[in-house]
Amino acid sequence: MDPRAIRTRKALQDALLELLKTDSFDQITPRHIAAKAGLAHGTFYRHHPSKEAMLDELAKKEINDLHQRQLQLLGTSGLRAVALSYADYFIEKRELWSVLLNGGANAIVREEWLKLARSQAREHAHPGDRLPHDLSTAFATSALVEIVGWWLRQDQGHSVDFFADMLIELLFDPIRKASTSPNLKF
């Protein structure tokens, strides 16, 4: 991709994230995004067919990056390492995820996360599991989004270890306790 196009897409993305700090996604228009980025209105449409497509692209990329990172760790490390890796990831991308989970796009990002999690869960579902995969996926996604969103709203008052403990106690342990799947990796 042309370096100018990469810079323009990044400027548009940054503008959207900045606007989401104060406005709901429904209130934001492509014109607002372009103006905030210091670009002509038509430039937005040369890079994105709609603001929804732009947000979907951003959310999918971030969720997929996170998911791939965690899948690699699940196969090689313990549960605590996975939980700490989540914490490191969300600290590294704190501003982005604060806006995505606590800003004006919360419902859209949550839905996209659930959609991706469901498609991946179907691949790993065990037919004899006592815990239905659609229930565990909805529970896990909702719990993760709530725990991360809550943690990011805090003023640095809760440590990485506290966050990891909450993931294990509120998310991983209940699923592990209810599931009978031999495919469960934690």
Protein backbone atom coordinates (compact mmCIF):
# COMPACT_ATOMS: atom_id res chain seq x y z
CA MET A 1 0.00 0.00 0.00
CA ASP A 2 1.17 3.50 -0.82
CA PRO A 3 2.70 5.26 2.24
CA ARG A 4 0.41 8.26 1.70
CA ALA A 5 -2.64 6.00 1.76
CA ILE A 6 -1.39 4.39 4.97
CA ARG A 7 -0.94 7.82 6.59
CA THR A 8 -4.38 8.93 5.41
CA ARG A 9 -6.09 5.78 6.74
CA LYS A 10 -4.26 6.24 10.06
CA ALA A 11 -5.34 9.91 10.23
CA LEU A 12 -8.96 8.92 9.59
CA GLN A 13 -8.77 6.16 12.19
CA ASP A 14 -7.24 8.49 14.77
CA ALA A 15 -9.91 11.09 14.02
CA LEU A 16 -12.68 8.53 14.54
CA LEU A 17 -11.19 7.42 17.85
CA GLU A 18 -10.84 11.03 18.99
CA LEU A 19 -14.47 11.75 18.11
CA LEU A 20 -15.65 8.61 19.92
CA LYS A 21 -14.25 10.01 23.16
CA THR A 22 -17.04 12.58 23.25
CA ASP A 23 -19.74 11.48 20.80
CA SER A 24 -21.71 8.33 20.18
CA PHE A 25 -20.99 6.48 16.98
CA ASP A 26 -24.46 7.37 15.66
CA GLN A 27 -23.70 11.10 16.00
CA ILE A 28 -20.46 10.91 14.02
CA THR A 29 -20.54 11.28 10.24
CA PRO A 30 -17.86 10.62 7.62
CA ARG A 31 -17.74 14.38 7.14
CA HIS A 32 -16.91 14.84 10.86
CA ILE A 33 -14.19 12.18 10.65
CA ALA A 34 -12.59 13.76 7.58
CA ALA A 35 -12.75 17.25 9.08
CA LYS A 36 -11.18 16.06 12.33
CA ALA A 37 -8.40 14.41 10.29
CA GLY A 38 -7.88 17.63 8.33
CA LEU A 39 -8.88 15.97 5.07
CA ALA A 40 -11.45 16.63 2.38
CA HIS A 41 -14.77 14.85 2.82
CA GLY A 42 -14.33 12.80 -0.37
CA THR A 43 -11.03 11.42 0.93
CA PHE A 44 -12.94 9.43 3.52
CA TYR A 45 -14.81 7.52 0.81
CA ARG A 46 -11.64 6.74 -1.14
CA HIS A 47 -10.53 4.70 1.88
CA HIS A 48 -13.76 3.43 3.47
CA PRO A 49 -17.21 2.75 2.02
CA SER A 50 -18.85 3.88 5.30
CA LYS A 51 -18.07 4.76 8.89
CA GLU A 52 -19.45 1.34 9.90
CA ALA A 53 -17.02 -0.40 7.57
CA MET A 54 -14.19 1.68 9.00
CA LEU A 55 -15.06 0.76 12.59
CA ASP A 56 -15.60 -2.90 11.65
CA GLU A 57 -12.16 -3.01 10.02
CA LEU A 58 -10.52 -1.47 13.07
CA ALA A 59 -12.35 -3.70 15.55
CA LYS A 60 -11.75 -6.89 13.54
CA LYS A 61 -8.04 -6.21 13.23
CA GLU A 62 -7.61 -5.53 16.95
CA ILE A 63 -9.78 -8.44 18.08
CA ASN A 64 -8.05 -10.83 15.68
CA ASP A 65 -4.61 -9.64 16.82
CA LEU A 66 -5.59 -10.21 20.42
CA HIS A 67 -7.15 -13.59 19.73
CA GLN A 68 -4.14 -14.89 17.77
CA ARG A 69 -1.81 -13.77 20.52
CA GLN A 70 -3.85 -15.62 23.14
CA LEU A 71 -4.24 -18.82 21.09
CA GLN A 72 -0.47 -19.07 20.75
CA LEU A 73 -0.02 -18.65 24.49
CA LEU A 74 -2.76 -21.12 25.42
CA GLY A 75 -0.88 -23.86 23.61
CA THR A 76 2.46 -23.14 25.25
CA SER A 77 1.93 -21.37 28.57
CA GLY A 78 -0.19 -21.58 31.67
CA LEU A 79 -3.41 -19.74 32.34
CA ARG A 80 -1.70 -17.08 34.45
CA ALA A 81 0.63 -16.26 31.53
CA VAL A 82 -2.39 -15.87 29.26
CA ALA A 83 -4.14 -13.57 31.73
CA LEU A 84 -1.00 -11.47 32.17
CA SER A 85 -0.60 -11.30 28.40
CA TYR A 86 -4.13 -9.91 28.13
CA ALA A 87 -3.18 -7.27 30.69
CA ASP A 88 0.01 -6.36 28.82
CA TYR A 89 -1.90 -6.09 25.56
CA PHE A 90 -4.57 -3.82 27.02
CA ILE A 91 -1.98 -1.63 28.73
CA GLU A 92 -0.07 -1.33 25.46
CA LYS A 93 -3.26 -0.34 23.62
CA ARG A 94 -5.03 1.33 26.54
CA GLU A 95 -6.18 4.45 24.72
CA LEU A 96 -7.56 2.53 21.75
CA TRP A 97 -9.45 -0.02 23.84
CA SER A 98 -10.68 2.61 26.31
CA VAL A 99 -12.37 4.33 23.41
CA LEU A 100 -13.62 1.12 21.78
CA LEU A 101 -15.08 -0.38 24.96
CA ASN A 102 -16.03 2.72 26.95
CA GLY A 103 -16.68 5.24 24.19
CA GLY A 104 -19.43 5.73 21.68
CA ALA A 105 -18.81 2.48 19.79
CA ASN A 106 -19.17 0.04 22.68
CA ALA A 107 -22.20 -1.86 21.35
CA ILE A 108 -20.76 -2.21 17.86
CA VAL A 109 -17.37 -3.42 19.08
CA ARG A 110 -18.98 -5.82 21.54
CA GLU A 111 -21.14 -7.31 18.78
CA GLU A 112 -18.17 -7.65 16.42
CA TRP A 113 -16.14 -9.37 19.13
CA LEU A 114 -18.99 -11.79 19.81
CA LYS A 115 -19.44 -12.53 16.09
CA LEU A 116 -15.74 -13.35 15.66
CA ALA A 117 -15.65 -15.40 18.86
CA ARG A 118 -18.69 -17.41 17.75
CA SER A 119 -17.19 -18.25 14.38
CA GLN A 120 -13.95 -19.39 16.00
CA ALA A 121 -15.75 -21.31 18.76
CA ARG A 122 -17.67 -23.38 16.21
CA GLU A 123 -14.34 -24.69 14.91
CA HIS A 124 -13.29 -25.92 18.36
CA ALA A 125 -16.64 -27.01 19.77
CA HIS A 126 -16.85 -30.48 21.26
CA PRO A 127 -20.26 -32.11 20.58
CA GLY A 128 -20.39 -33.87 23.95
CA ASP A 129 -19.51 -30.84 26.07
CA ARG A 130 -21.94 -30.20 28.90
CA LEU A 131 -21.42 -26.45 28.38
CA PRO A 132 -22.92 -25.48 24.99
CA HIS A 133 -20.36 -23.60 22.91
CA ASP A 134 -22.78 -20.81 22.02
CA LEU A 135 -23.41 -20.18 25.74
CA SER A 136 -19.74 -20.34 26.73
CA THR A 137 -18.82 -18.02 23.85
CA ALA A 138 -21.44 -15.43 24.77
CA PHE A 139 -20.51 -15.65 28.45
CA ALA A 140 -16.77 -15.45 27.83
CA THR A 141 -17.02 -12.55 25.41
CA SER A 142 -19.39 -10.59 27.63
CA ALA A 143 -17.29 -11.22 30.73
CA LEU A 144 -14.06 -10.29 28.97
CA VAL A 145 -15.52 -7.08 27.54
CA GLU A 146 -16.93 -6.08 30.93
CA ILE A 147 -13.75 -6.90 32.88
CA VAL A 148 -11.50 -5.11 30.39
CA GLY A 149 -13.83 -2.11 30.07
CA TRP A 150 -14.05 -1.79 33.85
CA TRP A 151 -10.28 -2.10 34.30
CA LEU A 152 -9.59 0.52 31.64
CA ARG A 153 -11.96 2.96 33.36
CA GLN A 154 -9.93 2.77 36.58
CA ASP A 155 -7.30 5.37 37.35
CA GLN A 156 -4.42 2.90 37.48
CA GLY A 157 -5.68 1.78 40.89
CA HIS A 158 -5.67 -1.93 40.11
CA SER A 159 -2.51 -3.77 39.19
CA VAL A 160 -1.83 -6.10 36.31
CA ASP A 161 -1.86 -8.97 38.81
CA PHE A 162 -5.30 -7.92 40.04
CA PHE A 163 -6.57 -7.83 36.44
CA ALA A 164 -5.09 -11.28 35.74
CA ASP A 165 -6.70 -12.65 38.92
CA MET A 166 -10.09 -11.24 37.85
CA LEU A 167 -9.79 -12.87 34.43
CA ILE A 168 -8.96 -16.21 35.98
CA GLU A 169 -11.58 -16.07 38.75
CA LEU A 170 -14.45 -14.48 36.84
CA LEU A 171 -13.87 -15.81 33.32
CA PHE A 172 -11.57 -18.83 33.00
CA ASP A 173 -12.45 -20.72 36.20
CA PRO A 174 -16.25 -20.73 35.68
CA ILE A 175 -15.89 -22.00 32.11
CA ARG A 176 -13.35 -24.62 33.12
CA LYS A 177 -15.65 -25.77 35.95
CA ALA A 178 -18.75 -26.07 33.73
CA SER A 179 -17.12 -27.55 30.63
CA THR A 180 -16.54 -31.25 30.03
CA SER A 181 -14.78 -30.72 26.70
CA PRO A 182 -11.42 -32.39 26.19
CA ASN A 183 -10.67 -29.58 23.72
CA LEU A 184 -10.69 -26.90 26.43
CA LYS A 185 -7.21 -25.42 26.51
CA PHE A 186 -7.23 -23.89 29.98
